[in-house]
Amino acid sequence: MKHKYIPALLCGFGAAVFTTIPGLRNIACCLLVPLAAIIAVYLHKKTAQNNLKISIGTALMLGLFTGIFAALFASLFDVIITYFTMTNDFISSLPESKDIIRDWNLGALVEESIKLMESMSRDIKSSGFSLLYAVMITISNVLTYSIFGFLGGALGVALINKRKA
């Protein structure tokens, strides 16, 4: 099958769309992405049109790619929304974040970190875009979403192969 990862792309995009909804954003990594990975495994099974069990490797790759696609699309949506609104969750939580980081007493590292965060905040407030913020949110999303997508793929293969048995 030459379009093996189309279900992962579609489900990753769908999960990313749901991350733009404020209440669902908080559960994106631990609920939406694994659910999207399970659906991707199910769609892959439906498009394969055979009664063979899905291999664990295929399901894990589908889950991983679902998480990666969800992360990339969610980061893109976040950057676009931030560009137009010139604010985001990072801006609103910055004062509390600075207090928490200062409480850790990490020395000079703390002040440098706070300077970077304030720089990102100024860039977002003035132009709606911060390259450092875009890179950091993308890396964070790729790491977390790919792990949970991987787990969703494992759960998906267990559920779908059990159902077919």
Foldseek 3Di string as FASTA:
>chain_A
DVPQQPLLLVLLLVLLVQCVPVVCVVCSLQPSLLVSLLVSVVVSVVVVPDLDADDLVSLLVNLLSSQLNNLVSNLVVVLVVLQVVLDDPLLVCLVVVLVVLVVVVPPPVSVVVNVVSVVQSVCSNPRSHDPVVSVVSSVVSSVRSSVSSSVSSNVSSVVVVVVSD
